[in-house]
Protein backbone atom coordinates (compact mmCIF):
# COMPACT_ATOMS: atom_id res chain seq x y z
CA MET A 1 -15.21 0.01 57.54
CA PHE A 2 -16.09 -1.81 54.29
CA TYR A 3 -17.25 0.28 51.28
CA PRO A 4 -18.34 -2.08 48.47
CA LYS A 5 -19.27 0.75 46.08
CA ARG A 6 -15.80 2.29 46.37
CA ILE A 7 -14.13 -1.06 45.87
CA ALA A 8 -16.28 -1.78 42.81
CA ALA A 9 -15.55 1.67 41.36
CA PHE A 10 -11.84 1.22 42.06
CA SER A 11 -11.87 -2.22 40.41
CA ILE A 12 -13.62 -0.94 37.29
CA PHE A 13 -11.22 2.00 37.15
CA SER A 14 -8.23 -0.35 37.49
CA VAL A 15 -9.51 -2.61 34.73
CA LEU A 16 -10.01 0.38 32.43
CA ILE A 17 -6.49 1.67 33.08
CA LEU A 18 -5.07 -1.79 32.36
CA PHE A 19 -7.14 -2.09 29.16
CA PHE A 20 -6.08 1.28 27.78
CA SER A 21 -2.44 0.70 28.77
CA LEU A 22 -2.38 -2.61 26.93
CA SER A 23 -4.16 -1.11 23.93
CA ALA A 24 -1.57 1.64 23.69
CA ALA A 25 1.24 -0.88 23.98
CA PHE A 26 -0.12 -2.93 21.09
CA ALA A 27 -1.21 -0.04 18.88
CA LYS A 28 0.89 0.36 15.78
CA THR A 29 1.51 3.36 13.62
CA ALA A 30 0.84 3.38 9.90
CA ASP A 31 4.60 3.39 9.28
CA GLU A 32 5.08 0.30 11.44
CA LEU A 33 2.28 -1.48 9.58
CA ILE A 34 3.81 -0.50 6.24
CA ASP A 35 7.17 -1.88 7.36
CA GLU A 36 5.49 -5.15 8.35
CA GLY A 37 3.66 -5.22 5.02
CA VAL A 38 6.92 -4.74 3.13
CA ALA A 39 8.48 -7.60 5.08
CA TYR A 40 5.54 -9.87 4.21
CA TYR A 41 5.77 -8.76 0.57
CA GLN A 42 9.49 -9.58 0.43
CA GLN A 43 8.70 -13.06 1.79
CA GLY A 44 6.11 -13.55 -0.96
CA ASN A 45 3.27 -13.46 1.57
CA TYR A 46 1.11 -11.07 -0.44
CA ASP A 47 -2.17 -11.62 1.42
CA ASP A 48 -0.68 -10.65 4.78
CA ALA A 49 1.11 -7.73 3.12
CA ILE A 50 -2.20 -6.51 1.69
CA THR A 51 -3.79 -6.79 5.14
CA GLN A 52 -1.05 -4.70 6.77
CA PHE A 53 -1.19 -2.05 4.03
CA THR A 54 -4.99 -1.92 4.28
CA ILE A 55 -4.84 -1.32 8.03
CA ALA A 56 -2.19 1.36 7.46
CA ILE A 57 -4.54 3.04 4.96
CA ALA A 58 -7.33 2.97 7.55
CA ILE A 59 -5.03 4.79 9.97
CA SER A 60 -3.53 7.13 7.38
CA PRO A 61 -5.93 7.45 4.42
CA ASN A 62 -3.57 9.59 2.33
CA SER A 63 -0.50 7.38 2.68
CA LEU A 64 1.13 7.20 -0.74
CA GLU A 65 3.45 4.48 0.50
CA ALA A 66 0.64 2.26 1.79
CA TYR A 67 -1.41 2.51 -1.41
CA ASN A 68 1.62 2.08 -3.66
CA ASN A 69 2.87 -0.95 -1.76
CA ARG A 70 -0.58 -2.49 -1.60
CA GLY A 71 -0.79 -2.02 -5.36
CA ASN A 72 2.51 -3.86 -5.70
CA ALA A 73 1.18 -6.76 -3.64
CA TYR A 74 -2.03 -6.93 -5.68
CA ASP A 75 -0.03 -6.83 -8.90
CA ALA A 76 2.26 -9.62 -7.65
CA LYS A 77 -0.88 -11.72 -7.10
CA GLY A 78 -2.01 -10.99 -10.66
CA ASN A 79 -4.86 -8.75 -9.51
CA HIS A 80 -4.01 -5.99 -11.97
CA GLU A 81 -7.35 -4.18 -11.66
CA GLN A 82 -6.98 -3.66 -7.92
CA ALA A 83 -3.33 -2.70 -8.38
CA ILE A 84 -4.33 -0.09 -10.96
CA ALA A 85 -6.98 1.26 -8.57
CA ASP A 86 -4.37 1.67 -5.82
CA TYR A 87 -1.83 3.33 -8.11
CA SER A 88 -4.57 5.63 -9.42
CA LYS A 89 -5.39 6.58 -5.82
CA VAL A 90 -1.74 7.49 -5.28
CA ILE A 91 -1.87 9.68 -8.39
CA ASP A 92 -5.08 11.32 -7.14
CA ILE A 93 -3.32 12.16 -3.87
CA ASN A 94 -0.07 13.29 -5.53
CA PRO A 95 -0.01 13.56 -9.34
CA PHE A 96 3.76 14.15 -9.25
CA TYR A 97 4.65 10.75 -7.77
CA GLY A 98 6.45 9.09 -10.68
CA TRP A 99 6.61 5.64 -9.10
CA ALA A 100 2.81 5.37 -9.22
CA TYR A 101 2.75 5.99 -12.98
CA TYR A 102 5.54 3.49 -13.54
CA ASN A 103 3.92 0.83 -11.37
CA ARG A 104 0.56 1.43 -13.02
CA ALA A 105 2.27 0.97 -16.41
CA VAL A 106 3.52 -2.42 -15.24
CA ALA A 107 -0.01 -3.37 -14.13
CA TYR A 108 -1.50 -2.19 -17.43
CA SER A 109 1.10 -4.26 -19.24
CA GLY A 110 0.02 -7.26 -17.18
CA LYS A 111 -3.50 -6.69 -18.51
CA LYS A 112 -2.11 -6.36 -22.05
CA ASP A 113 -3.37 -2.78 -22.16
CA TYR A 114 -0.21 -1.58 -23.83
CA ASP A 115 -1.36 1.88 -24.92
CA LYS A 116 -2.17 2.84 -21.33
CA ALA A 117 1.11 1.29 -20.20
CA TRP A 118 3.06 3.47 -22.65
CA ASP A 119 1.09 6.56 -21.61
CA ASP A 120 2.06 5.97 -17.99
CA ILE A 121 5.70 5.31 -18.90
CA HIS A 122 5.80 8.67 -20.63
CA LYS A 123 4.20 10.39 -17.62
CA ALA A 124 6.62 8.70 -15.20
CA GLU A 125 9.64 9.68 -17.27
CA ALA A 126 8.36 13.26 -17.64
CA LEU A 127 8.37 13.39 -13.83
CA GLY A 128 11.99 12.21 -13.76
CA HIS A 129 11.37 8.55 -12.99
CA SER A 130 13.68 6.25 -14.90
CA SER A 131 12.18 3.08 -16.32
CA ASP A 132 13.70 -0.37 -16.13
CA PRO A 133 15.23 -1.00 -19.59
CA GLU A 134 14.28 -4.68 -19.46
CA PHE A 135 10.64 -3.77 -18.80
CA LEU A 136 10.72 -1.26 -21.66
CA ASN A 137 12.13 -3.92 -24.01
CA ASP A 138 9.45 -6.41 -22.93
CA LEU A 139 6.73 -3.80 -23.32
CA GLY A 140 8.07 -2.87 -26.75
CA ARG A 141 8.06 -6.49 -27.91
CA ALA A 142 4.62 -7.20 -26.50
CA SER A 143 3.07 -4.02 -27.87
CA GLY A 144 4.86 -4.06 -31.22
CA ARG A 145 6.01 -0.49 -30.77
CA GLU A 146 8.67 1.63 -29.21
CA LYS A 147 8.32 4.60 -26.98
């Protein structure tokens, strides 16, 4: 005997199972998206890197790595304000993350805001983060001061 309602229900159920199976297969974790973003960043493809980091942040809103890396990509594009915002978010999440202070110092230096750059260098070093000597020399020359 033919049961059209059962066949229709079975077909809809089958389609839903297929949809959710495919969705799960293509879903990525925040860490996977960060890895992809880093790969794009290393290729100089900053826009795609920013996209991957932004999606990772949507999945994991407190990801220090995603915000820090997105800040690096923004800074590489010359968007120092957005980079500073991302590094500041990292610091809000974890004020003991020295890399964020150092990276924010680099972004402040890019804006020629040397006093803030030096302040962040001091904070980064107080947290045990070592600064690139070449960057410190460049910052010293540009700012007309030393540490």
